[in-house]
Amino acid sequence: MVLGCSGCVSLVLGGLMALGRQLAYSFLVLAGSSGLGLLLWVVAAPGEERKKEILRHLPESNPARMAEKQRQNALILEAIKAAAETKENVTYRAPWKK
């Protein structure tokens, strides 16, 4: 049996409609998932007061801790500079602490 032109068109249109439905469904699932994720992000994000409290309790907000960290960073930088000026592998040195 030979299909007429109307049969071919209906097959093609039926396939395109099914593809269109799948794309629409996929888009709705993606949009819904993104919306749900955004909603959860907004709900779980801390408020302005909580952000300020978190910043207040960070170790860097303590001046004594900050000074100690700066001193430690200066010592590390000094060790890196000394290692860069030598040709030997400084990781094999015995005294790691100065």
C-alpha atoms as a PDB file:
ATOM      1  CA  MET A   1       0.000   0.000   0.000  1.00  0.00           C
ATOM      2  CA  VAL A   2       1.362   3.381  -0.985  1.00  0.00           C
ATOM      3  CA  LEU A   3       0.838   6.312   1.309  1.00  0.00           C
ATOM      4  CA  GLY A   4      -0.370   9.445  -0.297  1.00  0.00           C
ATOM      5  CA  CYS A   5       1.088  12.837   0.328  1.00  0.00           C
ATOM      6  CA  SER A   6      -1.366  13.478   3.138  1.00  0.00           C
ATOM      7  CA  GLY A   7      -0.105  10.347   4.931  1.00  0.00           C
ATOM      8  CA  CYS A   8       3.502  11.532   4.792  1.00  0.00           C
ATOM      9  CA  VAL A   9       2.572  14.970   6.038  1.00  0.00           C
ATOM     10  CA  SER A  10       0.611  13.548   8.957  1.00  0.00           C
ATOM     11  CA  LEU A  11       3.546  11.314   9.926  1.00  0.00           C
ATOM     12  CA  VAL A  12       5.971  14.233   9.811  1.00  0.00           C
ATOM     13  CA  LEU A  13       3.621  16.559  11.697  1.00  0.00           C
ATOM     14  CA  GLY A  14       2.921  13.864  14.287  1.00  0.00           C
ATOM     15  CA  GLY A  15       6.652  13.413  14.860  1.00  0.00           C
ATOM     16  CA  LEU A  16       7.192  17.156  15.121  1.00  0.00           C
ATOM     17  CA  MET A  17       4.336  17.542  17.566  1.00  0.00           C
ATOM     18  CA  ALA A  18       5.749  14.768  19.748  1.00  0.00           C
ATOM     19  CA  LEU A  19       9.156  16.421  19.634  1.00  0.00           C
ATOM     20  CA  GLY A  20       7.568  19.759  20.513  1.00  0.00           C
ATOM     21  CA  ARG A  21       5.783  18.193  23.491  1.00  0.00           C
ATOM     22  CA  GLN A  22       9.040  16.609  24.696  1.00  0.00           C
ATOM     23  CA  LEU A  23      10.892  19.907  24.378  1.00  0.00           C
ATOM     24  CA  ALA A  24       8.133  21.779  26.214  1.00  0.00           C
ATOM     25  CA  TYR A  25       8.104  19.169  28.977  1.00  0.00           C
ATOM     26  CA  SER A  26      11.906  19.285  29.263  1.00  0.00           C
ATOM     27  CA  PHE A  27      11.822  23.081  29.446  1.00  0.00           C
ATOM     28  CA  LEU A  28       9.170  22.998  32.173  1.00  0.00           C
ATOM     29  CA  VAL A  29      11.164  20.464  34.208  1.00  0.00           C
ATOM     30  CA  LEU A  30      14.336  22.559  33.829  1.00  0.00           C
ATOM     31  CA  ALA A  31      12.546  25.794  34.725  1.00  0.00           C
ATOM     32  CA  GLY A  32      10.831  24.162  37.703  1.00  0.00           C
ATOM     33  CA  SER A  33      14.084  22.692  39.001  1.00  0.00           C
ATOM     34  CA  SER A  34      15.870  26.019  38.605  1.00  0.00           C
ATOM     35  CA  GLY A  35      13.036  27.844  40.353  1.00  0.00           C
ATOM     36  CA  LEU A  36      13.057  25.373  43.227  1.00  0.00           C
ATOM     37  CA  GLY A  37      16.828  25.706  43.562  1.00  0.00           C
ATOM     38  CA  LEU A  38      16.579  29.488  43.609  1.00  0.00           C
ATOM     39  CA  LEU A  39      13.823  29.361  46.205  1.00  0.00           C
ATOM     40  CA  LEU A  40      15.894  27.081  48.443  1.00  0.00           C
ATOM     41  CA  TRP A  41      18.917  29.363  47.992  1.00  0.00           C
ATOM     42  CA  VAL A  42      16.921  32.403  49.105  1.00  0.00           C
ATOM     43  CA  VAL A  43      15.466  30.558  52.095  1.00  0.00           C
ATOM     44  CA  ALA A  44      18.821  29.138  53.231  1.00  0.00           C
ATOM     45  CA  ALA A  45      20.890  32.310  52.711  1.00  0.00           C
ATOM     46  CA  PRO A  46      21.656  34.166  55.942  1.00  0.00           C
ATOM     47  CA  GLY A  47      20.098  37.559  56.551  1.00  0.00           C
ATOM     48  CA  GLU A  48      22.002  40.825  56.875  1.00  0.00           C
ATOM     49  CA  GLU A  49      22.258  40.582  60.668  1.00  0.00           C
ATOM     50  CA  ARG A  50      23.553  37.006  60.461  1.00  0.00           C
ATOM     51  CA  LYS A  51      26.163  38.049  57.882  1.00  0.00           C
ATOM     52  CA  LYS A  52      27.394  40.797  60.202  1.00  0.00           C
ATOM     53  CA  GLU A  53      27.558  38.360  63.104  1.00  0.00           C
ATOM     54  CA  ILE A  54      29.534  35.876  61.020  1.00  0.00           C
ATOM     55  CA  LEU A  55      31.994  38.592  59.970  1.00  0.00           C
ATOM     56  CA  ARG A  56      32.359  39.702  63.588  1.00  0.00           C
ATOM     57  CA  HIS A  57      33.364  36.184  64.669  1.00  0.00           C
ATOM     58  CA  LEU A  58      35.892  35.502  61.923  1.00  0.00           C
ATOM     59  CA  PRO A  59      39.460  34.928  63.161  1.00  0.00           C
ATOM     60  CA  GLU A  60      40.678  37.842  61.037  1.00  0.00           C
ATOM     61  CA  SER A  61      38.486  40.268  62.999  1.00  0.00           C
ATOM     62  CA  ASN A  62      40.618  39.684  66.117  1.00  0.00           C
ATOM     63  CA  PRO A  63      43.584  42.139  65.962  1.00  0.00           C
ATOM     64  CA  ALA A  64      45.950  39.823  67.871  1.00  0.00           C
ATOM     65  CA  ARG A  65      45.129  36.911  65.562  1.00  0.00           C
ATOM     66  CA  MET A  66      45.535  39.142  62.526  1.00  0.00           C
ATOM     67  CA  ALA A  67      48.988  40.333  63.688  1.00  0.00           C
ATOM     68  CA  GLU A  68      50.073  36.728  64.300  1.00  0.00           C
ATOM     69  CA  LYS A  69      48.878  35.717  60.834  1.00  0.00           C
ATOM     70  CA  GLN A  70      50.767  38.634  59.224  1.00  0.00           C
ATOM     71  CA  ARG A  71      53.943  37.643  61.083  1.00  0.00           C
ATOM     72  CA  GLN A  72      53.502  34.041  59.970  1.00  0.00           C
ATOM     73  CA  ASN A  73      52.971  35.123  56.350  1.00  0.00           C
ATOM     74  CA  ALA A  74      56.118  37.276  56.524  1.00  0.00           C
ATOM     75  CA  LEU A  75      58.142  34.283  57.755  1.00  0.00           C
ATOM     76  CA  ILE A  76      56.788  32.092  54.975  1.00  0.00           C
ATOM     77  CA  LEU A  77      57.586  34.745  52.375  1.00  0.00           C
ATOM     78  CA  GLU A  78      61.117  35.085  53.797  1.00  0.00           C
ATOM     79  CA  ALA A  79      61.607  31.304  53.537  1.00  0.00           C
ATOM     80  CA  ILE A  80      60.363  31.302  49.945  1.00  0.00           C
ATOM     81  CA  LYS A  81      62.720  34.146  49.017  1.00  0.00           C
ATOM     82  CA  ALA A  82      65.657  32.340  50.637  1.00  0.00           C
ATOM     83  CA  ALA A  83      64.767  29.148  48.761  1.00  0.00           C
ATOM     84  CA  ALA A  84      64.537  31.033  45.474  1.00  0.00           C
ATOM     85  CA  GLU A  85      68.046  32.476  45.936  1.00  0.00           C
ATOM     86  CA  THR A  86      69.725  29.074  46.411  1.00  0.00           C
ATOM     87  CA  LYS A  87      70.384  26.303  43.924  1.00  0.00           C
ATOM     88  CA  GLU A  88      69.933  23.469  46.432  1.00  0.00           C
ATOM     89  CA  ASN A  89      66.652  21.771  47.244  1.00  0.00           C
ATOM     90  CA  VAL A  90      65.656  23.346  50.559  1.00  0.00           C
ATOM     91  CA  THR A  91      63.091  20.664  51.357  1.00  0.00           C
ATOM     92  CA  TYR A  92      65.915  18.297  52.297  1.00  0.00           C
ATOM     93  CA  ARG A  93      67.195  20.603  55.051  1.00  0.00           C
ATOM     94  CA  ALA A  94      66.876  19.177  58.564  1.00  0.00           C
ATOM     95  CA  PRO A  95      65.764  22.220  60.612  1.00  0.00           C
ATOM     96  CA  TRP A  96      62.388  23.199  59.254  1.00  0.00           C
ATOM     97  CA  LYS A  97      61.709  25.742  61.976  1.00  0.00           C
ATOM     98  CA  LYS A  98      63.761  28.861  62.592  1.00  0.00           C
END
